[in-house]
Amino acid sequence: MARTTPHQHVHPRRTLGDGEPLYRRVAAELLGELRTGAVPPGERLPGERQLAEHFGVSRETVRQALQLLRREGLVATDRRGSHAALPGVPVEAPAAAGFPLGARQAGRDTVARATVAWEVPPPGHAEPLGLTPGRPTLVHRYWSASPGGRERRTAVTSFSAVALAEVEELARYRDRADGTGAAELRRTYDWMRRAGLSLHHRDTITRIASTPSVRVTRQVHDQHARPLELTELVMDAQQDVLVYEFMVPATA
């Protein structure tokens, strides 16, 4: 759920020709966003002021919409605030597994490991990310293999200063990024979208000379063309296959 982009579907000056109260329409649109995983079940919703800006309505309208969703058991409120409580909806949206590039669905025989470190990024990462040479940043490393070591994949991701400044979930990793502990960043792209960033991916695939492997380089920018992350994935092109999935949100 974007924090900085005004919502385009509901506006306080819109004519309600069908006689439906505005708060019900806001409730319906908020419920639609919750069902797409914009805010996963259990996670705190933005405050009333942010929701009012998001939907372009008054705080009182947002308050009434939340009350309606609470009565229907779709939103719960506790001392931490309001959060989605949709029955039967998985905790993570399908898009949550999109990071890092090449990550596998965990299978019974799949071996995978991921770590994060605060360090100087690999050669070739600093310039595209707008980082000063030699400046450390958050670096994520991923490794996976099928039984027997076949179909091996390795991926290394470096994040830009923009990503760390805009996405608080990523910034929190700086103090615990020692390169040894397990890292759970599968929902990175969801975090970015919730911070109001539109993601533009550019993937380049090249063969690695004298090997059966290929390198896939992903660069992600936001709607302002600011770099967010760069990932290099190396995989065995003879033993493995990389599947791209794209989801285009429906228009109103």
Protein backbone atom coordinates (compact mmCIF):
# COMPACT_ATOMS: atom_id res chain seq x y z
CA MET A 1 0.00 0.00 0.00
CA ALA A 2 1.60 3.23 -1.16
CA ARG A 3 2.30 5.83 1.49
CA THR A 4 3.12 8.69 -0.86
CA THR A 5 0.96 8.13 -3.95
CA PRO A 6 -2.63 9.43 -3.76
CA HIS A 7 -5.32 6.86 -4.51
CA GLN A 8 -7.01 7.29 -7.88
CA HIS A 9 -10.22 5.28 -7.44
CA VAL A 10 -12.06 7.17 -4.71
CA HIS A 11 -12.33 10.92 -4.36
CA PRO A 12 -14.42 12.93 -1.90
CA ARG A 13 -15.91 15.00 -4.72
CA ARG A 14 -16.94 11.94 -6.74
CA THR A 15 -20.69 11.87 -7.41
CA LEU A 16 -22.35 8.96 -5.63
CA GLY A 17 -25.07 8.44 -8.18
CA ASP A 18 -25.92 4.99 -6.87
CA GLY A 19 -26.60 6.36 -3.38
CA GLU A 20 -23.95 4.17 -1.75
CA PRO A 21 -22.26 5.87 1.21
CA LEU A 22 -18.70 6.91 0.52
CA TYR A 23 -17.35 5.02 3.53
CA ARG A 24 -18.73 1.75 2.10
CA ARG A 25 -16.92 2.36 -1.17
CA VAL A 26 -13.70 3.10 0.71
CA ALA A 27 -14.20 -0.08 2.75
CA ALA A 28 -14.67 -2.10 -0.45
CA GLU A 29 -11.50 -0.69 -2.03
CA LEU A 30 -9.47 -1.16 1.14
CA LEU A 31 -10.70 -4.75 1.37
CA GLY A 32 -9.66 -5.29 -2.26
CA GLU A 33 -6.14 -4.09 -1.47
CA LEU A 34 -5.95 -6.32 1.61
CA ARG A 35 -6.99 -9.33 -0.46
CA THR A 36 -4.18 -8.71 -2.95
CA GLY A 37 -1.67 -8.80 -0.09
CA ALA A 38 -0.80 -5.09 -0.10
CA VAL A 39 -0.90 -5.44 3.69
CA PRO A 40 -0.61 -9.11 4.69
CA PRO A 41 -2.84 -10.47 7.49
CA GLY A 42 -1.43 -9.69 10.92
CA GLU A 43 0.52 -6.62 9.78
CA ARG A 44 -0.53 -3.21 11.05
CA LEU A 45 -2.48 -0.98 8.68
CA PRO A 46 -1.37 2.60 8.04
CA GLY A 47 -2.92 5.16 10.39
CA GLU A 48 -6.18 6.97 9.70
CA ARG A 49 -4.39 10.06 8.39
CA GLN A 50 -2.33 8.03 5.92
CA LEU A 51 -5.39 6.08 4.78
CA ALA A 52 -7.33 9.30 4.33
CA GLU A 53 -4.56 10.69 2.10
CA HIS A 54 -4.29 7.36 0.27
CA PHE A 55 -8.00 7.29 -0.64
CA GLY A 56 -8.49 11.06 -0.92
CA VAL A 57 -11.22 11.19 1.73
CA SER A 58 -11.67 12.53 5.27
CA ARG A 59 -10.44 10.76 8.37
CA GLU A 60 -14.05 10.36 9.52
CA THR A 61 -14.83 8.46 6.31
CA VAL A 62 -11.83 6.20 6.92
CA ARG A 63 -12.94 5.68 10.52
CA GLN A 64 -16.41 4.59 9.37
CA ALA A 65 -14.92 2.27 6.73
CA LEU A 66 -12.71 0.59 9.33
CA GLN A 67 -15.65 0.20 11.69
CA LEU A 68 -17.59 -1.56 8.93
CA LEU A 69 -14.71 -3.94 8.20
CA ARG A 70 -14.30 -4.63 11.93
CA ARG A 71 -18.00 -5.51 12.28
CA GLU A 72 -17.60 -8.00 9.42
CA GLY A 73 -14.51 -9.56 11.00
CA LEU A 74 -12.20 -8.48 8.16
CA VAL A 75 -10.12 -6.04 10.21
CA ALA A 76 -9.08 -6.49 13.82
CA THR A 77 -7.85 -3.82 16.23
CA ASP A 78 -5.66 -4.25 19.27
CA ARG A 79 -3.15 -2.14 21.16
CA ARG A 80 -0.81 -2.25 18.13
CA GLY A 81 -3.49 -0.75 15.89
CA SER A 82 -5.66 -2.19 13.11
CA HIS A 83 -4.59 -5.11 10.93
CA ALA A 84 -6.10 -7.37 8.28
CA ALA A 85 -7.87 -10.49 9.53
CA LEU A 86 -9.02 -12.18 6.34
CA PRO A 87 -9.98 -15.84 6.84
CA GLY A 88 -8.25 -18.36 4.61
CA VAL A 89 -5.78 -15.87 3.10
CA PRO A 90 -2.10 -16.90 3.20
CA VAL A 91 0.22 -14.74 5.27
CA GLU A 92 2.31 -13.90 2.23
CA ALA A 93 1.08 -12.78 -1.17
CA PRO A 94 2.41 -14.73 -4.19
CA ALA A 95 4.63 -11.79 -5.09
CA ALA A 96 6.40 -12.10 -1.75
CA ALA A 97 8.56 -14.96 -3.05
CA GLY A 98 9.96 -12.87 -5.91
CA PHE A 99 13.16 -11.92 -4.11
CA PRO A 100 15.92 -12.68 -4.69
CA LEU A 101 15.98 -13.32 -8.40
CA GLY A 102 16.16 -17.08 -8.92
CA ALA A 103 14.96 -18.06 -5.45
CA ARG A 104 13.30 -21.46 -5.39
CA GLN A 105 10.16 -22.58 -3.68
CA ALA A 106 11.40 -24.57 -0.70
CA GLY A 107 11.11 -28.28 -1.47
CA ARG A 108 11.79 -31.31 0.64
CA ASP A 109 15.15 -31.97 -1.01
CA THR A 110 16.15 -28.40 -1.82
CA VAL A 111 19.10 -26.93 0.05
CA ALA A 112 19.07 -23.13 0.30
CA ARG A 113 20.83 -20.49 2.37
CA ALA A 114 20.68 -16.68 2.54
CA THR A 115 22.70 -14.12 4.50
CA VAL A 116 23.10 -10.35 4.64
CA ALA A 117 26.20 -8.29 5.35
CA TRP A 118 27.09 -4.60 5.59
CA GLU A 119 30.03 -4.48 3.21
CA VAL A 120 31.50 -3.02 0.03
CA PRO A 121 29.41 -4.38 -2.87
CA PRO A 122 30.90 -6.69 -5.53
CA PRO A 123 32.69 -5.16 -8.56
CA GLY A 124 30.29 -3.58 -11.01
CA HIS A 125 27.52 -2.93 -8.47
CA ALA A 126 28.45 0.49 -7.06
CA GLU A 127 28.15 2.63 -10.19
CA PRO A 128 24.67 1.42 -11.33
CA LEU A 129 23.42 1.92 -7.78
CA GLY A 130 24.85 5.43 -7.51
CA LEU A 131 27.17 4.43 -4.66
CA THR A 132 30.56 5.99 -4.03
CA PRO A 133 33.34 3.44 -4.79
CA GLY A 134 34.38 1.69 -1.60
CA ARG A 135 31.23 2.70 0.27
CA PRO A 136 29.58 -0.23 2.12
CA THR A 137 25.92 -1.09 1.73
CA LEU A 138 23.53 -3.92 2.49
CA VAL A 139 24.53 -7.01 0.47
CA HIS A 140 22.33 -10.12 0.32
CA ARG A 141 23.73 -13.50 -0.75
CA TYR A 142 21.62 -16.50 -1.75
CA TRP A 143 22.66 -20.06 -2.56
CA SER A 144 20.55 -23.09 -3.45
CA ALA A 145 21.05 -26.55 -4.93
CA SER A 146 19.00 -29.61 -5.71
CA PRO A 147 19.99 -33.08 -4.38
CA GLY A 148 23.52 -34.03 -5.40
CA GLY A 149 24.48 -30.42 -6.07
CA ARG A 150 22.79 -30.26 -9.46
CA GLU A 151 20.82 -27.22 -10.58
CA ARG A 152 22.88 -24.91 -8.44
CA ARG A 153 22.08 -21.21 -8.20
CA THR A 154 23.93 -18.36 -6.54
CA ALA A 155 22.70 -14.79 -6.34
CA VAL A 156 24.19 -11.66 -4.82
CA THR A 157 22.16 -8.47 -4.37
CA SER A 158 23.35 -4.98 -3.45
CA PHE A 159 20.92 -2.28 -2.32
CA SER A 160 21.18 1.43 -3.03
CA ALA A 161 21.14 4.23 -0.47
CA VAL A 162 17.68 5.16 -1.79
CA ALA A 163 16.30 1.69 -1.00
CA LEU A 164 17.70 1.80 2.53
CA ALA A 165 16.35 5.29 3.12
CA GLU A 166 12.85 4.59 1.78
CA VAL A 167 12.24 1.03 3.01
CA GLU A 168 12.46 0.82 6.78
CA GLU A 169 12.33 -3.01 6.82
CA LEU A 170 15.60 -3.10 4.86
CA ALA A 171 17.24 -0.38 6.94
CA ARG A 172 16.67 -2.45 10.09
CA TYR A 173 19.01 -5.12 8.75
CA ARG A 174 22.05 -2.84 8.89
CA ASP A 175 22.68 -3.43 12.59
CA ARG A 176 22.40 -7.22 12.30
CA ALA A 177 24.02 -7.74 8.90
CA ASP A 178 27.13 -9.65 9.93
CA GLY A 179 27.11 -12.08 6.99
CA THR A 180 26.65 -15.14 9.20
CA GLY A 181 23.04 -15.25 10.37
CA ALA A 182 20.13 -16.39 8.20
CA ALA A 183 18.33 -13.60 6.33
CA GLU A 184 14.66 -13.54 5.45
CA LEU A 185 14.18 -10.93 2.73
CA ARG A 186 11.69 -12.78 0.52
CA ARG A 187 9.19 -9.95 0.90
CA THR A 188 11.60 -7.21 -0.18
CA TYR A 189 9.54 -6.26 -3.24
CA ASP A 190 6.36 -6.11 -1.16
CA TRP A 191 8.13 -3.84 1.33
CA MET A 192 9.21 -1.56 -1.52
CA ARG A 193 5.70 -1.31 -2.93
CA ARG A 194 4.26 -0.60 0.50
CA ALA A 195 6.77 2.26 0.80
CA GLY A 196 5.15 3.87 -2.26
CA LEU A 197 7.75 2.70 -4.81
CA SER A 198 6.77 1.45 -8.25
CA LEU A 199 9.25 -1.21 -9.35
CA HIS A 200 10.75 -1.34 -12.83
CA HIS A 201 12.82 -4.47 -13.51
CA ARG A 202 15.43 -4.84 -16.25
CA ASP A 203 16.90 -8.34 -16.60
CA THR A 204 19.90 -9.07 -18.80
CA ILE A 205 20.91 -12.68 -19.56
CA THR A 206 24.44 -13.49 -20.78
CA ARG A 207 26.37 -16.71 -21.29
CA ILE A 208 29.49 -17.31 -19.22
CA ALA A 209 32.27 -18.32 -21.61
CA SER A 210 33.56 -21.91 -21.45
CA THR A 211 30.91 -22.96 -18.94
CA PRO A 212 27.34 -24.30 -19.15
CA SER A 213 26.19 -21.41 -16.94
CA VAL A 214 24.46 -18.12 -17.62
CA ARG A 215 24.42 -14.88 -15.64
CA VAL A 216 21.16 -13.00 -15.13
CA THR A 217 21.62 -9.39 -14.03
CA ARG A 218 18.56 -7.64 -12.62
CA GLN A 219 18.42 -3.89 -12.06
CA VAL A 220 15.42 -2.42 -10.28
CA HIS A 221 14.48 1.26 -10.39
CA ASP A 222 11.55 3.17 -8.93
CA GLN A 223 9.07 5.45 -10.70
CA HIS A 224 11.58 8.31 -10.47
CA ALA A 225 14.33 6.25 -12.19
CA ARG A 226 16.24 5.98 -8.91
CA PRO A 227 18.17 2.70 -8.54
CA LEU A 228 16.97 0.39 -5.77
CA GLU A 229 18.87 -2.88 -6.14
CA LEU A 230 21.12 -4.87 -8.42
CA THR A 231 21.20 -8.69 -8.40
CA GLU A 232 23.53 -11.06 -10.23
CA LEU A 233 22.30 -14.64 -10.50
CA VAL A 234 24.51 -17.44 -11.85
CA MET A 235 22.82 -20.71 -12.80
CA ASP A 236 23.51 -23.87 -14.80
CA ALA A 237 21.68 -23.42 -18.09
CA GLN A 238 21.89 -27.14 -18.95
CA GLN A 239 20.46 -28.46 -15.70
CA ASP A 240 18.16 -25.67 -14.65
CA VAL A 241 15.41 -23.43 -15.93
CA LEU A 242 14.44 -19.92 -14.83
CA VAL A 243 10.74 -19.09 -14.90
CA TYR A 244 9.54 -15.49 -14.95
CA GLU A 245 6.07 -14.68 -13.63
CA PHE A 246 4.43 -11.32 -14.14
CA MET A 247 1.22 -10.05 -12.54
CA VAL A 248 -0.43 -6.95 -13.97
CA PRO A 249 -2.96 -5.42 -11.55
CA ALA A 250 -6.46 -4.93 -12.89
CA THR A 251 -7.61 -1.40 -13.63
CA ALA A 252 -10.67 0.07 -12.02
